[in-house]
Amino acid sequence: MDFFEEYTKLKLAVPRCALFNIAGQNSDYCAYGRYNKNCYICRGADYNEDLLYAYWAYHNKDCVDCSYTYDSEILYDCVDCRKCYDLSFCQDCQACSSSQFLYNCHGCSDCYGCVNLKQAQFHVFNKKLPREAYFARVAAIKAQRKTSGGLLRGLRTC
């Protein structure tokens, strides 16, 4: 293998510094970003802190694997979420908190696996539960997911 082939292979294997990064602190691998702090591999992201693997994210903190998120904190694998807190695997949500697996929910908290809810609390699969029953049901679902080996098998038997 000649020098140029080896150099090309190395260049493709190693992350590169940002193309455009204004006033970023410890955010060397963020492209097209401004005023980010402690961010890694983010593209089109401004005013974020402790963000990993994000695309088009603004004013977020402590988020991982997110796209099109705004003014949110503690998100994991969320898409198009605004003003949310402590969400995982959610899409098209606004002002939601402490929830997982939501789609198109607004103003919800402590919900799991819900779709199209507005101002709801303590719902599992769009059914309202008492507070204690909600936490017990979510714990049972999570335990079943761990033993069954996946999300879909755990959801089918609930």
C-alpha atoms as a PDB file:
ATOM      1  CA  MET A   1       0.000   0.000   0.000  1.00  0.00           C
ATOM      2  CA  ASP A   2       1.463   3.332  -1.006  1.00  0.00           C
ATOM      3  CA  PHE A   3       1.565   6.454   1.130  1.00  0.00           C
ATOM      4  CA  PHE A   4      -1.566   8.121  -0.287  1.00  0.00           C
ATOM      5  CA  GLU A   5      -3.758   5.048   0.140  1.00  0.00           C
ATOM      6  CA  GLU A   6      -2.570   4.628   3.718  1.00  0.00           C
ATOM      7  CA  TYR A   7      -3.061   8.340   4.423  1.00  0.00           C
ATOM      8  CA  THR A   8      -6.622   8.264   3.005  1.00  0.00           C
ATOM      9  CA  LYS A   9      -7.469   5.242   5.122  1.00  0.00           C
ATOM     10  CA  LEU A  10      -6.147   6.969   8.255  1.00  0.00           C
ATOM     11  CA  LYS A  11      -7.955  10.225   7.400  1.00  0.00           C
ATOM     12  CA  LEU A  12     -11.291   8.422   7.097  1.00  0.00           C
ATOM     13  CA  ALA A  13     -10.825   6.502  10.362  1.00  0.00           C
ATOM     14  CA  VAL A  14     -10.017   9.436  12.656  1.00  0.00           C
ATOM     15  CA  PRO A  15     -12.526  12.190  13.644  1.00  0.00           C
ATOM     16  CA  ARG A  16     -11.654  15.612  12.284  1.00  0.00           C
ATOM     17  CA  CYS A  17     -11.808  18.986  13.931  1.00  0.00           C
ATOM     18  CA  ALA A  18     -14.801  21.208  13.281  1.00  0.00           C
ATOM     19  CA  LEU A  19     -15.426  23.026  10.045  1.00  0.00           C
ATOM     20  CA  PHE A  20     -17.030  26.013  11.735  1.00  0.00           C
ATOM     21  CA  ASN A  21     -17.051  26.363  15.505  1.00  0.00           C
ATOM     22  CA  ILE A  22     -17.339  29.768  17.171  1.00  0.00           C
ATOM     23  CA  ALA A  23     -16.427  30.227  20.848  1.00  0.00           C
ATOM     24  CA  GLY A  24     -16.716  26.547  21.678  1.00  0.00           C
ATOM     25  CA  GLN A  25     -15.143  25.269  24.871  1.00  0.00           C
ATOM     26  CA  ASN A  26     -13.909  21.673  24.785  1.00  0.00           C
ATOM     27  CA  SER A  27     -16.049  21.080  21.682  1.00  0.00           C
ATOM     28  CA  ASP A  28     -13.448  20.388  19.020  1.00  0.00           C
ATOM     29  CA  TYR A  29     -15.471  17.946  16.919  1.00  0.00           C
ATOM     30  CA  CYS A  30     -18.622  20.052  16.542  1.00  0.00           C
ATOM     31  CA  ALA A  31     -19.335  21.393  13.067  1.00  0.00           C
ATOM     32  CA  TYR A  32     -21.377  24.498  12.384  1.00  0.00           C
ATOM     33  CA  GLY A  33     -21.788  25.338  16.054  1.00  0.00           C
ATOM     34  CA  ARG A  34     -21.556  28.377  18.284  1.00  0.00           C
ATOM     35  CA  TYR A  35     -21.036  28.792  22.016  1.00  0.00           C
ATOM     36  CA  ASN A  36     -21.076  25.086  22.894  1.00  0.00           C
ATOM     37  CA  LYS A  37     -19.400  23.731  26.002  1.00  0.00           C
ATOM     38  CA  ASN A  38     -18.215  20.130  26.491  1.00  0.00           C
ATOM     39  CA  CYS A  39     -19.910  18.851  23.341  1.00  0.00           C
ATOM     40  CA  TYR A  40     -18.771  16.003  21.097  1.00  0.00           C
ATOM     41  CA  ILE A  41     -19.685  15.284  17.477  1.00  0.00           C
ATOM     42  CA  CYS A  42     -22.532  17.752  17.149  1.00  0.00           C
ATOM     43  CA  ARG A  43     -23.627  19.387  13.918  1.00  0.00           C
ATOM     44  CA  GLY A  44     -25.615  22.590  13.642  1.00  0.00           C
ATOM     45  CA  ALA A  45     -25.750  23.090  17.410  1.00  0.00           C
ATOM     46  CA  ASP A  46     -25.679  26.369  19.328  1.00  0.00           C
ATOM     47  CA  TYR A  47     -25.567  27.273  23.043  1.00  0.00           C
ATOM     48  CA  ASN A  48     -25.430  23.690  24.362  1.00  0.00           C
ATOM     49  CA  GLU A  49     -23.624  22.127  27.290  1.00  0.00           C
ATOM     50  CA  ASP A  50     -22.589  18.485  27.754  1.00  0.00           C
ATOM     51  CA  LEU A  51     -24.114  17.320  24.480  1.00  0.00           C
ATOM     52  CA  LEU A  52     -23.074  14.147  22.616  1.00  0.00           C
ATOM     53  CA  TYR A  53     -23.895  13.075  19.050  1.00  0.00           C
ATOM     54  CA  ALA A  54     -26.520  15.712  18.263  1.00  0.00           C
ATOM     55  CA  TYR A  55     -27.858  17.355  15.143  1.00  0.00           C
ATOM     56  CA  TRP A  56     -29.582  20.719  15.028  1.00  0.00           C
ATOM     57  CA  ALA A  57     -29.773  21.271  18.791  1.00  0.00           C
ATOM     58  CA  TYR A  58     -30.174  24.613  20.538  1.00  0.00           C
ATOM     59  CA  HIS A  59     -29.985  25.596  24.215  1.00  0.00           C
ATOM     60  CA  ASN A  60     -29.814  22.015  25.548  1.00  0.00           C
ATOM     61  CA  LYS A  61     -27.963  20.499  28.468  1.00  0.00           C
ATOM     62  CA  ASP A  62     -26.945  16.885  29.214  1.00  0.00           C
ATOM     63  CA  CYS A  63     -28.379  15.317  26.053  1.00  0.00           C
ATOM     64  CA  VAL A  64     -27.212  12.332  23.982  1.00  0.00           C
ATOM     65  CA  ASP A  65     -28.204  11.141  20.481  1.00  0.00           C
ATOM     66  CA  CYS A  66     -30.742  13.906  19.851  1.00  0.00           C
ATOM     67  CA  SER A  67     -31.903  15.775  16.757  1.00  0.00           C
ATOM     68  CA  TYR A  68     -33.925  18.969  16.424  1.00  0.00           C
ATOM     69  CA  THR A  69     -34.146  19.566  20.175  1.00  0.00           C
ATOM     70  CA  TYR A  70     -34.571  22.990  21.751  1.00  0.00           C
ATOM     71  CA  ASP A  71     -34.433  24.348  25.315  1.00  0.00           C
ATOM     72  CA  SER A  72     -34.300  20.865  26.867  1.00  0.00           C
ATOM     73  CA  GLU A  73     -32.333  18.999  29.498  1.00  0.00           C
ATOM     74  CA  ILE A  74     -31.436  15.341  30.156  1.00  0.00           C
ATOM     75  CA  LEU A  75     -32.674  13.819  26.897  1.00  0.00           C
ATOM     76  CA  TYR A  76     -31.662  10.530  25.315  1.00  0.00           C
ATOM     77  CA  ASP A  77     -32.464   9.572  21.732  1.00  0.00           C
ATOM     78  CA  CYS A  78     -35.139  12.227  21.222  1.00  0.00           C
ATOM     79  CA  VAL A  79     -36.232  13.922  18.000  1.00  0.00           C
ATOM     80  CA  ASP A  80     -38.021  17.252  17.621  1.00  0.00           C
ATOM     81  CA  CYS A  81     -38.566  17.916  21.332  1.00  0.00           C
ATOM     82  CA  ARG A  82     -38.923  21.389  22.852  1.00  0.00           C
ATOM     83  CA  LYS A  83     -38.722  22.540  26.468  1.00  0.00           C
ATOM     84  CA  CYS A  84     -38.527  18.979  27.782  1.00  0.00           C
ATOM     85  CA  TYR A  85     -36.791  17.463  30.792  1.00  0.00           C
ATOM     86  CA  ASP A  86     -35.668  13.879  31.483  1.00  0.00           C
ATOM     87  CA  LEU A  87     -37.042  12.125  28.382  1.00  0.00           C
ATOM     88  CA  SER A  88     -35.884   9.004  26.559  1.00  0.00           C
ATOM     89  CA  PHE A  89     -36.902   7.733  23.121  1.00  0.00           C
ATOM     90  CA  CYS A  90     -39.440  10.502  22.453  1.00  0.00           C
ATOM     91  CA  GLN A  91     -40.488  12.344  19.310  1.00  0.00           C
ATOM     92  CA  ASP A  92     -42.484  15.509  18.607  1.00  0.00           C
ATOM     93  CA  CYS A  93     -42.980  16.415  22.290  1.00  0.00           C
ATOM     94  CA  GLN A  94     -43.280  19.789  24.001  1.00  0.00           C
ATOM     95  CA  ALA A  95     -42.960  20.670  27.693  1.00  0.00           C
ATOM     96  CA  CYS A  96     -42.880  17.021  28.811  1.00  0.00           C
ATOM     97  CA  SER A  97     -40.863  15.590  31.689  1.00  0.00           C
ATOM     98  CA  SER A  98     -39.831  12.314  33.331  1.00  0.00           C
ATOM     99  CA  SER A  99     -41.205  10.135  30.532  1.00  0.00           C
ATOM    100  CA  GLN A 100     -40.180   7.494  28.012  1.00  0.00           C
ATOM    101  CA  PHE A 101     -41.393   6.362  24.584  1.00  0.00           C
ATOM    102  CA  LEU A 102     -43.708   9.300  23.844  1.00  0.00           C
ATOM    103  CA  TYR A 103     -44.939  10.529  20.489  1.00  0.00           C
ATOM    104  CA  ASN A 104     -46.641  13.878  19.913  1.00  0.00           C
ATOM    105  CA  CYS A 105     -47.315  14.619  23.579  1.00  0.00           C
ATOM    106  CA  HIS A 106     -47.601  18.096  25.089  1.00  0.00           C
ATOM    107  CA  GLY A 107     -47.302  19.062  28.741  1.00  0.00           C
ATOM    108  CA  CYS A 108     -47.079  15.472  29.985  1.00  0.00           C
ATOM    109  CA  SER A 109     -45.121  14.139  32.933  1.00  0.00           C
ATOM    110  CA  ASP A 110     -44.491  10.634  34.216  1.00  0.00           C
ATOM    111  CA  CYS A 111     -45.850   8.907  31.107  1.00  0.00           C
ATOM    112  CA  TYR A 112     -44.634   5.731  29.400  1.00  0.00           C
ATOM    113  CA  GLY A 113     -45.382   4.536  25.882  1.00  0.00           C
ATOM    114  CA  CYS A 114     -48.021   7.159  25.120  1.00  0.00           C
ATOM    115  CA  VAL A 115     -49.205   8.866  21.936  1.00  0.00           C
ATOM    116  CA  ASN A 116     -51.047  12.163  21.350  1.00  0.00           C
ATOM    117  CA  LEU A 117     -51.609  13.066  25.017  1.00  0.00           C
ATOM    118  CA  LYS A 118     -52.045  16.622  26.284  1.00  0.00           C
ATOM    119  CA  GLN A 119     -51.419  17.684  29.909  1.00  0.00           C
ATOM    120  CA  ALA A 120     -51.402  14.057  31.146  1.00  0.00           C
ATOM    121  CA  GLN A 121     -49.685  12.524  34.139  1.00  0.00           C
ATOM    122  CA  PHE A 122     -49.149   8.921  35.275  1.00  0.00           C
ATOM    123  CA  HIS A 123     -50.200   7.258  32.010  1.00  0.00           C
ATOM    124  CA  VAL A 124     -48.937   3.928  30.658  1.00  0.00           C
ATOM    125  CA  PHE A 125     -49.868   3.153  27.043  1.00  0.00           C
ATOM    126  CA  ASN A 126     -52.424   6.005  27.136  1.00  0.00           C
ATOM    127  CA  LYS A 127     -54.213   4.653  30.232  1.00  0.00           C
ATOM    128  CA  LYS A 128     -54.290   6.690  33.426  1.00  0.00           C
ATOM    129  CA  LEU A 129     -53.069   4.949  36.556  1.00  0.00           C
ATOM    130  CA  PRO A 130     -52.798   6.028  40.194  1.00  0.00           C
ATOM    131  CA  ARG A 131     -49.324   7.299  41.108  1.00  0.00           C
ATOM    132  CA  GLU A 132     -48.173   4.135  42.936  1.00  0.00           C
ATOM    133  CA  ALA A 133     -49.613   1.838  40.267  1.00  0.00           C
ATOM    134  CA  TYR A 134     -47.836   3.857  37.556  1.00  0.00           C
ATOM    135  CA  PHE A 135     -44.395   3.395  39.116  1.00  0.00           C
ATOM    136  CA  ALA A 136     -45.056  -0.298  39.786  1.00  0.00           C
ATOM    137  CA  ARG A 137     -46.224  -0.884  36.191  1.00  0.00           C
ATOM    138  CA  VAL A 138     -43.249   0.924  34.663  1.00  0.00           C
ATOM    139  CA  ALA A 139     -40.849  -1.030  36.901  1.00  0.00           C
ATOM    140  CA  ALA A 140     -42.515  -4.286  35.840  1.00  0.00           C
ATOM    141  CA  ILE A 141     -42.269  -3.361  32.155  1.00  0.00           C
ATOM    142  CA  LYS A 142     -38.587  -2.479  32.506  1.00  0.00           C
ATOM    143  CA  ALA A 143     -37.846  -5.713  34.380  1.00  0.00           C
ATOM    144  CA  GLN A 144     -39.687  -7.731  31.743  1.00  0.00           C
ATOM    145  CA  ARG A 145     -37.765  -5.980  28.957  1.00  0.00           C
ATOM    146  CA  LYS A 146     -34.482  -6.942  30.607  1.00  0.00           C
ATOM    147  CA  THR A 147     -35.431 -10.607  30.987  1.00  0.00           C
ATOM    148  CA  SER A 148     -37.132 -10.936  27.584  1.00  0.00           C
ATOM    149  CA  GLY A 149     -34.196  -9.442  25.731  1.00  0.00           C
ATOM    150  CA  GLY A 150     -35.857  -6.525  23.989  1.00  0.00           C
ATOM    151  CA  LEU A 151     -38.405  -3.787  23.887  1.00  0.00           C
ATOM    152  CA  LEU A 152     -40.906  -5.323  21.486  1.00  0.00           C
ATOM    153  CA  ARG A 153     -41.226  -8.627  23.313  1.00  0.00           C
ATOM    154  CA  GLY A 154     -41.708  -6.755  26.590  1.00  0.00           C
ATOM    155  CA  LEU A 155     -44.417  -4.533  25.118  1.00  0.00           C
ATOM    156  CA  ARG A 156     -46.392  -7.332  23.476  1.00  0.00           C
ATOM    157  CA  THR A 157     -46.985  -9.197  26.709  1.00  0.00           C
ATOM    158  CA  CYS A 158     -48.047  -6.180  28.754  1.00  0.00           C
END
